C-alpha atoms as a PDB file:
ATOM      1  CA  MET A   1      13.382 -10.589 -24.082  1.00  0.00           C
ATOM      2  CA  ASP A   2      15.296  -9.616 -27.204  1.00  0.00           C
ATOM      3  CA  GLY A   3      16.219  -6.104 -25.988  1.00  0.00           C
ATOM      4  CA  LYS A   4      13.575  -4.401 -28.111  1.00  0.00           C
ATOM      5  CA  VAL A   5      10.342  -2.932 -26.791  1.00  0.00           C
ATOM      6  CA  TYR A   6       7.525  -1.955 -29.131  1.00  0.00           C
ATOM      7  CA  ARG A   7       4.348  -0.100 -28.229  1.00  0.00           C
ATOM      8  CA  ALA A   8       1.186  -1.874 -29.389  1.00  0.00           C
ATOM      9  CA  SER A   9       0.185   0.980 -31.675  1.00  0.00           C
ATOM     10  CA  GLY A  10       3.535   0.877 -33.449  1.00  0.00           C
ATOM     11  CA  ALA A  11       4.036   4.637 -33.118  1.00  0.00           C
ATOM     12  CA  ILE A  12       7.079   4.500 -30.837  1.00  0.00           C
ATOM     13  CA  GLN A  13       9.956   2.103 -31.158  1.00  0.00           C
ATOM     14  CA  VAL A  14      12.591   1.833 -28.406  1.00  0.00           C
ATOM     15  CA  GLU A  15      15.690  -0.262 -28.784  1.00  0.00           C
ATOM     16  CA  ASN A  16      18.084  -1.152 -26.019  1.00  0.00           C
ATOM     17  CA  VAL A  17      21.504  -0.811 -27.573  1.00  0.00           C
ATOM     18  CA  ALA A  18      23.505  -1.758 -24.473  1.00  0.00           C
ATOM     19  CA  ALA A  19      25.112  -4.684 -26.277  1.00  0.00           C
ATOM     20  CA  SER A  20      26.155  -2.590 -29.258  1.00  0.00           C
ATOM     21  CA  THR A  21      29.344  -0.649 -29.727  1.00  0.00           C
ATOM     22  CA  GLY A  22      29.800   2.968 -30.687  1.00  0.00           C
ATOM     23  CA  PRO A  23      28.514   6.277 -29.322  1.00  0.00           C
ATOM     24  CA  LEU A  24      25.097   4.868 -28.313  1.00  0.00           C
ATOM     25  CA  ARG A  25      26.508   2.079 -26.131  1.00  0.00           C
ATOM     26  CA  GLY A  26      24.405   1.745 -22.983  1.00  0.00           C
ATOM     27  CA  LYS A  27      21.744   4.236 -24.126  1.00  0.00           C
ATOM     28  CA  LYS A  28      18.268   3.879 -25.554  1.00  0.00           C
ATOM     29  CA  ARG A  29      17.428   5.142 -28.998  1.00  0.00           C
ATOM     30  CA  CYS A  30      13.864   6.295 -29.641  1.00  0.00           C
ATOM     31  CA  ASN A  31      12.411   6.964 -33.092  1.00  0.00           C
ATOM     32  CA  ASP A  32       8.845   7.546 -34.146  1.00  0.00           C
ATOM     33  CA  ALA A  33       7.245   5.627 -37.003  1.00  0.00           C
ATOM     34  CA  ARG A  34       8.428   8.136 -39.631  1.00  0.00           C
ATOM     35  CA  GLY A  35      12.053   7.875 -38.551  1.00  0.00           C
ATOM     36  CA  THR A  36      12.431  11.556 -37.625  1.00  0.00           C
ATOM     37  CA  SER A  37      12.158  13.273 -34.307  1.00  0.00           C
ATOM     38  CA  SER A  38       9.160  15.467 -33.691  1.00  0.00           C
ATOM     39  CA  VAL A  39      11.365  18.504 -33.000  1.00  0.00           C
ATOM     40  CA  SER A  40      13.169  18.337 -36.322  1.00  0.00           C
ATOM     41  CA  SER A  41       9.860  17.723 -38.092  1.00  0.00           C
ATOM     42  CA  TRP A  42       8.355  20.792 -36.404  1.00  0.00           C
ATOM     43  CA  LEU A  43      11.419  22.876 -37.331  1.00  0.00           C
ATOM     44  CA  PHE A  44      11.287  21.705 -40.936  1.00  0.00           C
ATOM     45  CA  TRP A  45       7.611  22.534 -41.424  1.00  0.00           C
ATOM     46  CA  SER A  46       8.062  25.873 -39.665  1.00  0.00           C
ATOM     47  CA  SER A  47      10.851  26.706 -42.092  1.00  0.00           C
ATOM     48  CA  ILE A  48       8.515  25.841 -44.975  1.00  0.00           C
ATOM     49  CA  VAL A  49       5.868  28.230 -43.584  1.00  0.00           C
ATOM     50  CA  PHE A  50       8.439  31.013 -43.184  1.00  0.00           C
ATOM     51  CA  GLY A  51       9.657  30.349 -46.722  1.00  0.00           C
ATOM     52  CA  VAL A  52       6.119  30.761 -48.054  1.00  0.00           C
ATOM     53  CA  VAL A  53       5.781  34.052 -46.132  1.00  0.00           C
ATOM     54  CA  ALA A  54       9.118  35.246 -47.575  1.00  0.00           C
ATOM     55  CA  THR A  55       8.027  34.379 -51.114  1.00  0.00           C
ATOM     56  CA  TRP A  56       4.661  36.068 -50.626  1.00  0.00           C
ATOM     57  CA  SER A  57       6.208  39.274 -49.274  1.00  0.00           C
ATOM     58  CA  TYR A  58       8.780  39.333 -52.097  1.00  0.00           C
ATOM     59  CA  ARG A  59       5.990  39.113 -54.653  1.00  0.00           C
ATOM     60  CA  ILE A  60       4.092  41.989 -52.992  1.00  0.00           C
ATOM     61  CA  MET A  61       7.249  44.144 -52.962  1.00  0.00           C
ATOM     62  CA  TYR A  62       7.798  43.340 -56.640  1.00  0.00           C
ATOM     63  CA  ASN A  63       4.230  44.386 -57.432  1.00  0.00           C
ATOM     64  CA  HIS A  64       4.754  47.717 -55.622  1.00  0.00           C
ATOM     65  CA  ALA A  65       7.882  48.421 -57.657  1.00  0.00           C
ATOM     66  CA  MET A  66       6.252  47.432 -60.962  1.00  0.00           C
ATOM     67  CA  GLU A  67       3.214  49.621 -60.325  1.00  0.00           C
ATOM     68  CA  ALA A  68       5.497  52.589 -59.608  1.00  0.00           C
ATOM     69  CA  ALA A  69       7.561  51.848 -62.720  1.00  0.00           C
ATOM     70  CA  LYS A  70       4.489  51.639 -64.980  1.00  0.00           C
ATOM     71  CA  ARG A  71       3.799  55.318 -64.254  1.00  0.00           C
ATOM     72  CA  ARG A  72       7.187  56.312 -65.710  1.00  0.00           C
ATOM     73  CA  PRO A  73       7.327  57.118 -69.430  1.00  0.00           C
ATOM     74  CA  GLY A  74       9.707  54.880 -71.346  1.00  0.00           C
ATOM     75  CA  PHE A  75       9.271  51.868 -69.052  1.00  0.00           C
ATOM     76  CA  SER A  76      10.019  48.719 -71.066  1.00  0.00           C
ATOM     77  CA  GLY A  77       8.181  46.303 -68.756  1.00  0.00           C
ATOM     78  CA  ARG A  78      11.264  44.303 -67.799  1.00  0.00           C
ATOM     79  CA  PHE A  79      12.441  43.496 -64.292  1.00  0.00           C
ATOM     80  CA  TYR A  80      15.795  45.262 -64.656  1.00  0.00           C
ATOM     81  CA  ASP A  81      14.174  48.491 -65.867  1.00  0.00           C
ATOM     82  CA  ILE A  82      13.145  49.426 -62.314  1.00  0.00           C
ATOM     83  CA  THR A  83      14.928  52.446 -60.822  1.00  0.00           C
ATOM     84  CA  GLU A  84      16.071  52.753 -57.215  1.00  0.00           C
ATOM     85  CA  ARG A  85      13.260  55.164 -56.423  1.00  0.00           C
ATOM     86  CA  GLU A  86      10.672  52.732 -57.773  1.00  0.00           C
ATOM     87  CA  ALA A  87      12.174  49.898 -55.769  1.00  0.00           C
ATOM     88  CA  ASP A  88      11.887  52.040 -52.629  1.00  0.00           C
ATOM     89  CA  SER A  89       8.127  52.328 -53.170  1.00  0.00           C
ATOM     90  CA  ALA A  90       7.595  49.065 -51.265  1.00  0.00           C
ATOM     91  CA  PRO A  91       6.669  49.624 -47.592  1.00  0.00           C
ATOM     92  CA  ASN A  92       9.480  49.223 -45.082  1.00  0.00           C
ATOM     93  CA  TRP A  93       7.455  46.874 -42.892  1.00  0.00           C
ATOM     94  CA  LEU A  94       7.081  44.526 -45.848  1.00  0.00           C
ATOM     95  CA  ALA A  95      10.812  44.563 -46.523  1.00  0.00           C
ATOM     96  CA  ALA A  96      11.470  43.841 -42.827  1.00  0.00           C
ATOM     97  CA  LEU A  97       8.951  40.976 -42.903  1.00  0.00           C
ATOM     98  CA  ASN A  98      10.674  39.557 -45.978  1.00  0.00           C
ATOM     99  CA  MET A  99      14.129  39.759 -44.406  1.00  0.00           C
ATOM    100  CA  LEU A 100      13.084  38.275 -41.068  1.00  0.00           C
ATOM    101  CA  SER A 101      11.044  35.446 -42.585  1.00  0.00           C
ATOM    102  CA  SER A 102      13.891  34.561 -44.956  1.00  0.00           C
ATOM    103  CA  LEU A 103      16.378  34.431 -42.082  1.00  0.00           C
ATOM    104  CA  ALA A 104      13.976  32.440 -39.905  1.00  0.00           C
ATOM    105  CA  ALA A 105      13.360  29.919 -42.694  1.00  0.00           C
ATOM    106  CA  PHE A 106      17.098  29.472 -43.211  1.00  0.00           C
ATOM    107  CA  VAL A 107      17.928  29.128 -39.496  1.00  0.00           C
ATOM    108  CA  LEU A 108      15.055  26.700 -38.811  1.00  0.00           C
ATOM    109  CA  LEU A 109      15.972  24.551 -41.802  1.00  0.00           C
ATOM    110  CA  ILE A 110      19.634  24.352 -40.730  1.00  0.00           C
ATOM    111  CA  ALA A 111      18.557  23.525 -37.160  1.00  0.00           C
ATOM    112  CA  ALA A 112      16.222  20.759 -38.395  1.00  0.00           C
ATOM    113  CA  ILE A 113      18.978  19.259 -40.526  1.00  0.00           C
ATOM    114  CA  PHE A 114      21.468  19.463 -37.651  1.00  0.00           C
ATOM    115  CA  ILE A 115      19.088  17.805 -35.181  1.00  0.00           C
ATOM    116  CA  ASN A 116      18.179  15.096 -37.686  1.00  0.00           C
ATOM    117  CA  VAL A 117      21.835  14.344 -38.495  1.00  0.00           C
ATOM    118  CA  THR A 118      22.995  14.249 -34.867  1.00  0.00           C
ATOM    119  CA  ASN A 119      20.210  11.893 -33.771  1.00  0.00           C
END
């Protein structure tokens, strides 16, 4: 046997690296067909979903502020013409959702990169 075992479907590939040198000496390395672990793939796609939620909630908060600003006389229609009071017109739960989903997207993406680099 050549030290390599392949499943018939080709989905899982296991290599015996006992003869090699380096940090994997005497251990088995297992990769799926895509070359990434399922955990890091799950973390990556979860971070994408949280990023979409963060973008969606930001857009809704922006719409709240713009609608409040349109009621003010002298509003020029630009983004930087929004006052603090108009920016506070967005619901607090939406701001909390935006903050938490942004943080979750960032943490999950860093974790996916870390797991993918260390494996």
